[in-house]
Structure formats: structure tokens, C-alpha cells
Amino acid sequence: FQVRPRNPCGLGALPASAAMASPAVSPDSSSHEALSSVNSAPACSPTSDSENLSPDELELLAKLEEQNRLLEADSKSMRSMNGSRRNSGSSLVSSSSASSNLSHLEEDTWILWGRIVNEWDEWRKKKEKLLKELIRKGIPHHFRAIVWQLLCSATDMPVKNQYSELLKMSSPCEKLIRRDIARTYPEHEFFKGQDSLGQEVLFNVMKAYSLVDREVGYCQGSAFIVGLLLMQMPEEEAFCVFVRLMQEYRLRELFKPSMAELGLCIYQFEYMLQEQLPELNIHFRSQSFLTSMYASSWFLTLFLTTFPLPVATRVFDIFMYEGLEIVFRVGMALLQFNQAELVQLDMEGMSQYFQKVIPHQFDSCPDKLILKAFQVKYNPKKMKSRLEKEYAAIKNKEMEEQIEIK
């Protein structure tokens, strides 16, 4: 695959001449210990998959492990300060213990991602654990367009050939899409102005999808996901990636008119809250502060309406490889991080806190958010089998009661 420059209006774009000289990648903070606790796929250590790694790759992984240890120690000291925002400046990049090796690490990582893209099939088959760890550390932004397409297998989709024909058709959702376009990333330069290129291509992709999937049509939150894709790649490619995300990543179920899947996600998240943060759960209930009031947007927009784009995009990188699990993990990490403050607030105070404080806590240190997310206990089997069955039984009972009432 040839790596092409991203849309120049996209997030954090650099001139081509500067791209190789100053690769914009920040090492991730997820520690080896935290990553290896993930049930579904433990992260690798410098010795795992060693028979498939070259000496250069082993050396890079050892460097990343060292950065992880430094950051984990920093994060532990931060947690002891009750998660105050005053600690948010102590990120890996500004850490004196790490800065001396940072430029070499960036350069090595940049070269490695070029190799990953060109040897994609081999990496997916033989070096999967290392690939997962590198994605958690953040995909360099000039590689995101091609890597996201590769991760969701959207590089050669037949639907791409239909795109230009779909744009010639009319959709019943057009008025609704037009109404919401201006509300999608209103501060971002690419989408500013009624006649901007960003608004035009966003309308095109949303309209094309509403014609391909008439059952879902258009749902407002989905425009933020498409908008992020358009910051990275041309509209035809963004359309293909979005189709794949809707088909394979539970998003289509989330955006169906009934939004039944959103109800399931909220139910699963409430179970985690009750099990892991019982004191906070009791406080939320005492204040009638419903989970759906703060968490619905997390699932529907994958934190794109919660965090600034540099932080939200790091979460999206992981979502592209690991699916919705990262939304549960990041959501629980935020509540753990802020529990001491939240239990002191009433309903109005908590609403303000979720809107104004939480979104900017990790502006300068997204690595710490990722680290904390992968320290959250998450049992995929319990989420899938037990809780899905429980929720289905509850909904069936509600439906039966409604029929009786009618």
C-alpha cells in the first residue's frame, strides 16, 4: 500500500516536507502489566512472539516497555493525589526521565509503521500482539487513513463503486442531514461555514449511507464518526470505512431507530459501575442521575463529543482494532478517576462536572487515560453471555406487559 498524504484540512496535518522530519506520534502509556491483564488478548512483552520479530523490532519494543514503566510510576503517583487536574501536565512527553530518548523513539516508531503498512498481512497473522500494543500507543496521524482502512478491511469494497451513483439519487433523510451538518464539529476549520468542503462531503457520505441502509437511514451521532473519518481520508474511502463500522462493530445496532443496542450497552455499563464503584453507584441513584444521562453519547459518538479531537482520536484508534470494549473501559476509567469529586456533588453539580471538567482532564496526557482504561476489570464472557441474556429477558417482560395494558 502506498501511504498518501492526508486531507490537508484534517486534524493535525503537517506539510509533506515536515512529515518525516517531525513525526507526530506520542508513545502510549499503557503498561505491560496493565495490558497483559486483558482477557481477550494479552499484550506482548519484549520476549513474546520473539521468533517473528527482527532485532530492530525487539529493540523498539524494549524501549516502549521502558517508557511504560516510567509512565506507570508517574500515573501511580498521580492517582495518590486523588486525580486532581493540577497533575494533568505531567505527561510522558514532558517527563524529564523520558524526553532524552523521545526523538529516537518517535523516529523508530515512524519507520516501523511504514513497514507495518507494507507488510500488513504478515503483521496481522504473525505479529498481532505487537500490533495491538503499538495501536494502543497511538497510530501516527499520517498513517491513520490507511491503517484504519486496513483494520476494518475497507480497502477494496464493492460498495465504493456505487458511491457516485448514490450521490445522484435523492434520500428522504436529506433535510434532517442538512439540519445537523452545521452542528458537527462547528469549531473545526474543515467544517466551518455553510459552503465549506467539510460540510459538503459530510452531507454526501451521510446521504449515501442513508440510501444503502434504509432501515437505519440517518442518526445524528453518526455524523461525528463520519466527520472524523473525513479529516483523515477522501469521501469515498470514508464512506467505505463507515459502512464497515456499521456492519461489523455493533454501530448499526446502536443507530437503529429502536436503539435497543444502546439500552444493552447502558445496562452492561451499569453492571460494571455497580460492581466496581458501589459507593458512586449509590450516590448516582440517590440523586436520580441516570447512566444514560452521561454515557449515551460515549457509546453513540465514541467520545468524539466528549474529548478534544487529539484525545478522542487515540480512543478511536483502539476502537478500530478492539471494538466497543474500549468505550466501557474509558468510561469506567473516567468514573474511577473522578469518584471522590462526584460523590460530593448534587445532580446539577454532576451534570456541570461531566460537561466542563471531565472532557479536559487528559488534554496534555491522553496516555494516562489509556493506561487507566486498561487497568479496568472487564470480563467479555460475562458481558456477552450473562448480561445480554438478562437484558433480553427484561425487555421481553416489558413488551409482554405493554401488550397486556393495550
Protein backbone atom coordinates (compact mmCIF):
# COMPACT_ATOMS: atom_id res chain seq x y z
CA PHE A 1 0.00 0.00 0.00
CA GLN A 2 1.21 3.46 -0.83
CA VAL A 3 0.91 5.90 2.05
CA ARG A 4 -0.70 9.06 0.73
CA PRO A 5 -0.77 12.45 2.46
CA ARG A 6 -3.95 13.06 4.43
CA ASN A 7 -6.59 15.64 3.67
CA PRO A 8 -4.72 18.93 4.26
CA CYS A 9 -7.68 20.26 6.20
CA GLY A 10 -7.57 17.28 8.53
CA LEU A 11 -6.67 17.04 12.16
CA GLY A 12 -3.08 17.95 12.89
CA ALA A 13 -1.92 17.87 9.27
CA LEU A 14 1.74 18.65 8.66
CA PRO A 15 3.34 19.82 5.42
CA ALA A 16 4.77 16.92 3.48
CA SER A 17 8.26 18.33 3.81
CA ALA A 18 7.99 18.30 7.58
CA ALA A 19 6.27 14.96 7.95
CA MET A 20 9.31 12.72 8.05
CA ALA A 21 11.43 15.21 9.95
CA SER A 22 8.90 15.59 12.73
CA PRO A 23 6.64 12.54 13.00
CA ALA A 24 3.61 13.33 15.17
CA VAL A 25 3.37 10.20 17.27
CA SER A 26 3.27 10.08 21.03
CA PRO A 27 4.24 6.87 22.84
CA ASP A 28 1.31 5.30 24.62
CA SER A 29 1.15 4.93 28.36
CA SER A 30 -0.47 1.54 28.67
CA SER A 31 1.84 -0.51 30.85
CA HIS A 32 2.88 -4.08 30.11
CA GLU A 33 1.28 -5.23 33.34
CA ALA A 34 -1.99 -3.47 32.62
CA LEU A 35 -2.13 -4.66 29.03
CA SER A 36 -1.38 -8.26 29.89
CA SER A 37 -4.41 -8.33 32.18
CA VAL A 38 -6.80 -8.03 29.22
CA ASN A 39 -8.54 -11.39 28.96
CA SER A 40 -9.13 -11.46 25.24
CA ALA A 41 -5.58 -10.79 24.07
CA PRO A 42 -2.72 -10.15 26.47
CA ALA A 43 -0.15 -7.65 25.38
CA CYS A 44 3.28 -8.81 24.49
CA SER A 45 6.45 -8.40 26.45
CA PRO A 46 9.87 -7.97 24.83
CA THR A 47 10.07 -11.78 24.58
CA SER A 48 6.59 -12.61 23.25
CA ASP A 49 6.38 -13.53 19.56
CA SER A 50 10.15 -13.07 19.55
CA GLU A 51 10.61 -15.67 16.84
CA ASN A 52 8.63 -13.39 14.48
CA LEU A 53 10.35 -10.12 15.37
CA SER A 54 13.51 -8.67 13.91
CA PRO A 55 16.28 -7.36 16.23
CA ASP A 56 15.17 -3.78 15.44
CA GLU A 57 11.58 -4.56 16.43
CA LEU A 58 12.71 -6.23 19.65
CA GLU A 59 14.83 -3.19 20.48
CA LEU A 60 11.89 -0.84 19.84
CA LEU A 61 9.59 -2.94 22.00
CA ALA A 62 12.15 -2.86 24.82
CA LYS A 63 12.21 0.95 24.55
CA LEU A 64 8.41 1.10 24.66
CA GLU A 65 8.40 -1.12 27.75
CA GLU A 66 10.81 1.24 29.48
CA GLN A 67 8.55 4.22 28.65
CA ASN A 68 5.59 2.23 30.02
CA ARG A 69 7.36 1.66 33.33
CA LEU A 70 8.25 5.34 33.66
CA LEU A 71 4.70 6.43 32.89
CA GLU A 72 3.07 3.84 35.14
CA ALA A 73 5.14 5.10 38.07
CA ASP A 74 4.10 8.64 37.20
CA SER A 75 0.45 7.60 36.92
CA LYS A 76 0.50 5.85 40.29
CA SER A 77 1.84 8.98 41.92
CA MET A 78 -0.88 10.98 40.18
CA ARG A 79 -3.62 8.65 41.47
CA SER A 80 -2.40 9.21 45.00
CA MET A 81 -3.28 12.89 44.51
CA ASN A 82 -6.98 11.98 44.02
CA GLY A 83 -6.88 12.67 40.31
CA SER A 84 -6.61 16.43 40.58
CA ARG A 85 -6.40 18.29 37.29
CA ARG A 86 -3.27 20.03 38.51
CA ASN A 87 -1.36 16.85 37.69
CA SER A 88 -2.51 16.71 34.08
CA GLY A 89 0.64 18.43 32.85
CA SER A 90 2.96 15.62 33.86
CA SER A 91 2.69 13.72 30.59
CA LEU A 92 5.23 11.36 29.15
CA VAL A 93 6.40 13.87 26.58
CA SER A 94 7.27 16.48 29.21
CA SER A 95 8.76 13.97 31.64
CA SER A 96 12.46 14.67 32.07
CA SER A 97 13.20 10.98 32.53
CA ALA A 98 11.78 10.15 29.11
CA SER A 99 12.46 13.22 26.96
CA SER A 100 16.08 12.37 26.14
CA ASN A 101 15.05 9.21 24.29
CA LEU A 102 11.81 10.56 22.84
CA SER A 103 13.06 11.72 19.45
CA HIS A 104 14.76 8.38 18.77
CA LEU A 105 11.61 6.55 19.85
CA GLU A 106 9.45 8.69 17.54
CA GLU A 107 11.77 8.09 14.61
CA ASP A 108 11.91 4.34 15.21
CA THR A 109 8.13 4.15 15.58
CA TRP A 110 7.58 6.18 12.40
CA ILE A 111 9.82 3.84 10.38
CA LEU A 112 8.14 0.80 11.92
CA TRP A 113 4.64 1.94 10.94
CA GLY A 114 5.77 2.30 7.34
CA ARG A 115 6.91 -1.32 7.47
CA ILE A 116 3.66 -2.44 9.11
CA VAL A 117 1.55 -0.90 6.33
CA ASN A 118 3.66 -2.52 3.60
CA GLU A 119 3.68 -5.93 5.31
CA TRP A 120 0.13 -5.81 6.65
CA ASP A 121 -0.94 -9.41 6.12
CA GLU A 122 2.18 -10.73 7.81
CA TRP A 123 1.70 -8.44 10.81
CA ARG A 124 -1.95 -9.40 11.26
CA LYS A 125 -1.09 -13.11 11.17
CA LYS A 126 2.28 -13.35 12.90
CA LYS A 127 2.79 -10.20 14.99
CA GLU A 128 -0.72 -9.49 16.24
CA LYS A 129 0.22 -8.87 19.87
CA LEU A 130 2.87 -6.31 19.00
CA LEU A 131 0.48 -4.63 16.54
CA LYS A 132 -2.17 -4.35 19.27
CA GLU A 133 0.30 -2.75 21.67
CA LEU A 134 1.50 -0.27 19.03
CA ILE A 135 -2.09 0.73 18.22
CA ARG A 136 -2.72 1.38 21.91
CA LYS A 137 0.27 3.68 21.85
CA GLY A 138 -1.34 5.70 19.07
CA ILE A 139 -1.15 5.41 15.29
CA PRO A 140 0.98 8.24 13.79
CA HIS A 141 -1.54 10.60 12.25
CA HIS A 142 -0.17 10.43 8.69
CA PHE A 143 -0.71 6.65 8.78
CA ARG A 144 -4.23 6.73 10.21
CA ALA A 145 -6.09 6.85 6.91
CA ILE A 146 -4.56 3.68 5.52
CA VAL A 147 -4.30 1.84 8.87
CA TRP A 148 -7.96 2.44 9.74
CA GLN A 149 -8.95 1.10 6.31
CA LEU A 150 -6.74 -1.94 6.78
CA LEU A 151 -8.03 -2.62 10.29
CA CYS A 152 -11.65 -2.80 9.18
CA SER A 153 -10.92 -4.40 5.78
CA ALA A 154 -12.37 -1.45 3.86
CA THR A 155 -9.63 -1.11 1.22
CA ASP A 156 -11.42 -2.95 -1.59
CA MET A 157 -15.19 -2.84 -1.08
CA PRO A 158 -17.67 -3.21 -3.98
CA VAL A 159 -19.89 -0.51 -2.43
CA LYS A 160 -17.18 2.06 -3.29
CA ASN A 161 -18.14 1.73 -6.96
CA GLN A 162 -21.76 2.61 -6.10
CA TYR A 163 -20.84 5.84 -4.31
CA SER A 164 -21.04 8.26 -7.25
CA GLU A 165 -24.40 6.79 -8.32
CA LEU A 166 -25.81 7.09 -4.80
CA LEU A 167 -25.00 10.82 -4.78
CA LYS A 168 -27.23 11.30 -7.85
CA MET A 169 -30.22 9.84 -6.01
CA SER A 170 -32.45 11.64 -3.50
CA SER A 171 -32.83 10.50 0.10
CA PRO A 172 -35.79 11.04 2.46
CA CYS A 173 -33.23 11.95 5.13
CA GLU A 174 -31.71 14.92 3.27
CA LYS A 175 -33.47 17.67 5.24
CA LEU A 176 -32.53 16.04 8.53
CA ILE A 177 -28.90 15.68 7.47
CA ARG A 178 -28.72 19.30 6.26
CA ARG A 179 -30.11 20.50 9.59
CA ASP A 180 -27.44 18.69 11.60
CA ILE A 181 -24.39 19.26 9.40
CA ALA A 182 -23.62 22.68 10.89
CA ARG A 183 -23.70 21.19 14.41
CA THR A 184 -20.97 18.65 13.61
CA TYR A 185 -17.53 19.94 14.68
CA PRO A 186 -18.69 23.59 14.40
CA GLU A 187 -15.31 24.88 15.63
CA HIS A 188 -13.17 22.77 13.28
CA GLU A 189 -11.75 24.70 10.35
CA PHE A 190 -12.63 21.97 7.83
CA PHE A 191 -16.36 22.12 8.72
CA LYS A 192 -16.78 25.86 9.32
CA GLY A 193 -19.14 27.71 7.02
CA GLN A 194 -22.27 26.58 5.22
CA ASP A 195 -20.45 26.15 1.89
CA SER A 196 -17.30 24.57 3.33
CA LEU A 197 -15.79 21.49 1.72
CA GLY A 198 -16.16 19.62 5.02
CA GLN A 199 -19.92 20.18 5.23
CA GLU A 200 -20.36 19.22 1.58
CA VAL A 201 -18.51 15.89 1.80
CA LEU A 202 -20.08 15.10 5.18
CA PHE A 203 -23.53 15.58 3.64
CA ASN A 204 -22.55 13.34 0.72
CA VAL A 205 -21.39 10.43 2.89
CA MET A 206 -24.38 10.63 5.26
CA LYS A 207 -26.80 10.78 2.32
CA ALA A 208 -25.13 7.85 0.54
CA TYR A 209 -25.31 5.71 3.68
CA SER A 210 -28.98 6.56 4.25
CA LEU A 211 -29.69 5.13 0.79
CA VAL A 212 -27.60 1.98 1.27
CA ASP A 213 -29.19 1.20 4.67
CA ARG A 214 -32.76 2.47 4.60
CA GLU A 215 -33.68 0.81 7.91
CA VAL A 216 -31.18 2.97 9.81
CA GLY A 217 -31.30 5.91 7.41
CA TYR A 218 -29.65 8.74 9.33
CA CYS A 219 -28.90 9.09 13.03
CA GLN A 220 -27.41 12.31 14.38
CA GLY A 221 -24.50 10.90 16.39
CA SER A 222 -23.13 9.04 13.39
CA ALA A 223 -22.13 12.31 11.69
CA PHE A 224 -19.36 12.82 14.26
CA ILE A 225 -17.84 9.46 13.36
CA VAL A 226 -18.04 10.21 9.63
CA GLY A 227 -16.62 13.69 10.26
CA LEU A 228 -13.56 12.21 11.94
CA LEU A 229 -13.05 9.83 9.02
CA LEU A 230 -13.26 12.74 6.57
CA MET A 231 -10.49 14.55 8.45
CA GLN A 232 -8.24 11.62 7.54
CA MET A 233 -9.29 10.42 4.07
CA PRO A 234 -11.30 11.22 0.88
CA GLU A 235 -15.07 10.85 1.00
CA GLU A 236 -15.29 7.58 -0.98
CA GLU A 237 -12.85 5.91 1.43
CA ALA A 238 -14.61 7.42 4.47
CA PHE A 239 -17.90 6.03 3.13
CA CYS A 240 -16.44 2.51 2.83
CA VAL A 241 -14.96 2.63 6.34
CA PHE A 242 -18.26 3.86 7.78
CA VAL A 243 -20.20 1.07 6.04
CA ARG A 244 -17.78 -1.46 7.52
CA LEU A 245 -18.03 0.07 11.01
CA MET A 246 -21.82 -0.09 10.86
CA GLN A 247 -21.76 -3.71 9.67
CA GLU A 248 -19.03 -5.19 11.87
CA TYR A 249 -18.63 -3.02 15.01
CA ARG A 250 -22.13 -3.07 16.57
CA LEU A 251 -22.71 0.51 15.38
CA ARG A 252 -25.62 -0.36 13.11
CA GLU A 253 -27.45 -1.89 16.08
CA LEU A 254 -26.69 1.23 18.14
CA PHE A 255 -28.13 3.53 15.47
CA LYS A 256 -31.28 1.56 14.60
CA PRO A 257 -34.48 3.54 15.33
CA SER A 258 -35.25 1.38 18.40
CA MET A 259 -31.71 1.93 19.78
CA ALA A 260 -32.05 -1.41 21.58
CA GLU A 261 -28.30 -1.95 21.46
CA LEU A 262 -27.72 1.35 23.26
CA GLY A 263 -30.03 0.12 26.01
CA LEU A 264 -27.95 -3.05 26.29
CA CYS A 265 -24.69 -1.07 26.46
CA ILE A 266 -26.12 1.13 29.23
CA TYR A 267 -27.30 -1.97 31.11
CA GLN A 268 -23.84 -3.58 30.81
CA PHE A 269 -22.12 -0.38 31.89
CA GLU A 270 -24.41 -0.04 34.92
CA TYR A 271 -23.45 -3.57 35.95
CA MET A 272 -19.75 -2.61 35.85
CA LEU A 273 -20.48 0.54 37.82
CA GLN A 274 -22.42 -1.34 40.49
CA GLU A 275 -19.72 -4.00 40.78
CA GLN A 276 -16.60 -1.81 40.70
CA LEU A 277 -17.75 1.55 42.13
CA PRO A 278 -20.64 0.72 44.51
CA GLU A 279 -20.34 3.97 46.50
CA LEU A 280 -20.57 6.11 43.37
CA ASN A 281 -23.43 3.97 42.05
CA ILE A 282 -25.43 4.55 45.26
CA HIS A 283 -24.75 8.29 45.04
CA PHE A 284 -25.91 8.45 41.41
CA ARG A 285 -29.12 6.64 42.36
CA SER A 286 -29.76 8.89 45.35
CA GLN A 287 -29.54 11.91 43.03
CA SER A 288 -31.57 10.25 40.22
CA PHE A 289 -28.53 10.72 38.00
CA LEU A 290 -29.20 8.11 35.30
CA THR A 291 -26.40 6.36 33.44
CA SER A 292 -28.00 7.28 30.12
CA MET A 293 -27.67 10.98 31.01
CA TYR A 294 -23.89 10.93 30.71
CA ALA A 295 -22.95 7.66 28.97
CA SER A 296 -25.28 7.58 25.93
CA SER A 297 -23.09 9.98 23.97
CA TRP A 298 -19.99 7.95 24.89
CA PHE A 299 -21.37 4.94 23.02
CA LEU A 300 -23.09 6.80 20.17
CA THR A 301 -20.15 9.08 19.29
CA LEU A 302 -17.23 7.05 20.73
CA PHE A 303 -16.19 10.03 22.93
CA LEU A 304 -15.90 12.33 19.87
CA THR A 305 -18.34 14.77 21.51
CA THR A 306 -16.69 14.36 24.93
CA PHE A 307 -12.95 14.83 24.45
CA PRO A 308 -10.93 17.21 22.28
CA LEU A 309 -10.02 15.52 18.99
CA PRO A 310 -6.40 14.56 19.85
CA VAL A 311 -7.64 12.55 22.86
CA ALA A 312 -10.78 11.17 21.18
CA THR A 313 -8.75 10.02 18.17
CA ARG A 314 -6.48 7.95 20.41
CA VAL A 315 -9.58 6.16 21.74
CA PHE A 316 -10.81 5.73 18.15
CA ASP A 317 -7.52 4.08 17.14
CA ILE A 318 -8.15 1.38 19.74
CA PHE A 319 -11.83 1.09 18.82
CA MET A 320 -10.84 0.30 15.24
CA TYR A 321 -8.89 -2.75 16.45
CA GLU A 322 -10.70 -3.84 19.64
CA GLY A 323 -14.29 -2.63 19.18
CA LEU A 324 -16.72 -1.22 21.75
CA GLU A 325 -14.84 -2.70 24.71
CA ILE A 326 -12.65 0.43 24.79
CA VAL A 327 -15.75 2.61 25.37
CA PHE A 328 -16.62 0.60 28.50
CA ARG A 329 -13.01 0.77 29.68
CA VAL A 330 -12.54 4.51 29.14
CA GLY A 331 -15.95 5.29 30.67
CA MET A 332 -15.17 3.32 33.82
CA ALA A 333 -11.68 4.86 33.99
CA LEU A 334 -13.23 8.35 33.98
CA LEU A 335 -15.59 7.44 36.82
CA GLN A 336 -12.80 5.85 38.87
CA PHE A 337 -10.61 8.88 38.32
CA ASN A 338 -13.36 11.31 39.43
CA GLN A 339 -15.24 9.33 42.08
CA ALA A 340 -14.01 11.40 45.04
CA GLU A 341 -15.23 14.64 43.46
CA LEU A 342 -18.52 13.27 42.08
CA VAL A 343 -19.80 11.87 45.40
CA GLN A 344 -19.64 15.42 46.82
CA LEU A 345 -21.93 16.90 44.16
CA ASP A 346 -25.69 17.03 43.63
CA MET A 347 -27.37 16.26 40.32
CA GLU A 348 -26.85 19.73 38.83
CA GLY A 349 -23.25 19.81 40.03
CA MET A 350 -22.53 16.42 38.47
CA SER A 351 -24.07 17.48 35.16
CA GLN A 352 -21.78 20.51 35.07
CA TYR A 353 -18.78 18.42 36.09
CA PHE A 354 -19.35 15.95 33.24
CA GLN A 355 -19.70 18.80 30.75
CA LYS A 356 -16.88 21.10 31.85
CA VAL A 357 -14.25 19.27 33.92
CA ILE A 358 -14.05 15.68 32.70
CA PRO A 359 -13.55 16.46 28.97
CA HIS A 360 -10.27 18.33 29.56
CA GLN A 361 -8.60 16.28 32.27
CA PHE A 362 -6.40 14.41 29.82
CA ASP A 363 -5.74 17.12 27.21
CA SER A 364 -1.99 17.02 27.81
CA CYS A 365 -1.72 13.35 28.78
CA PRO A 366 -4.01 11.02 26.79
CA ASP A 367 -1.51 8.24 27.54
CA LYS A 368 -2.61 8.24 31.19
CA LEU A 369 -6.24 7.83 30.20
CA ILE A 370 -5.34 4.79 28.06
CA LEU A 371 -3.25 3.36 30.90
CA LYS A 372 -6.10 3.72 33.36
CA ALA A 373 -8.60 2.26 30.88
CA PHE A 374 -6.61 -0.95 30.58
CA GLN A 375 -6.46 -1.29 34.35
CA VAL A 376 -10.28 -1.51 34.45
CA LYS A 377 -11.66 -5.01 35.08
CA TYR A 378 -13.58 -6.19 32.04
CA ASN A 379 -14.99 -9.68 31.53
CA PRO A 380 -16.06 -10.14 27.89
CA LYS A 381 -17.69 -13.51 28.53
CA LYS A 382 -19.90 -12.12 31.30
CA MET A 383 -20.80 -9.08 29.18
CA LYS A 384 -21.68 -11.24 26.19
CA SER A 385 -23.48 -14.26 27.60
CA ARG A 386 -24.94 -13.44 31.01
CA LEU A 387 -25.76 -9.73 30.71
CA GLU A 388 -27.10 -9.93 27.15
CA LYS A 389 -29.48 -12.72 28.21
CA GLU A 390 -30.57 -10.79 31.32
CA TYR A 391 -31.28 -7.67 29.29
CA ALA A 392 -33.19 -9.60 26.62
CA ALA A 393 -35.37 -11.20 29.35
CA ILE A 394 -36.10 -7.79 30.89
CA LYS A 395 -37.10 -6.29 27.52
CA ASN A 396 -39.32 -9.28 26.68
CA LYS A 397 -41.11 -8.93 30.00
CA GLU A 398 -41.65 -5.20 29.39
CA MET A 399 -43.05 -5.93 25.95
CA GLU A 400 -45.45 -8.53 27.34
CA GLU A 401 -46.67 -6.06 29.97
CA GLN A 402 -47.23 -3.38 27.31
CA ILE A 403 -49.29 -5.82 25.24
CA GLU A 404 -51.40 -6.67 28.30
CA ILE A 405 -52.00 -2.97 29.00
CA LYS A 406 -53.09 -2.37 25.39
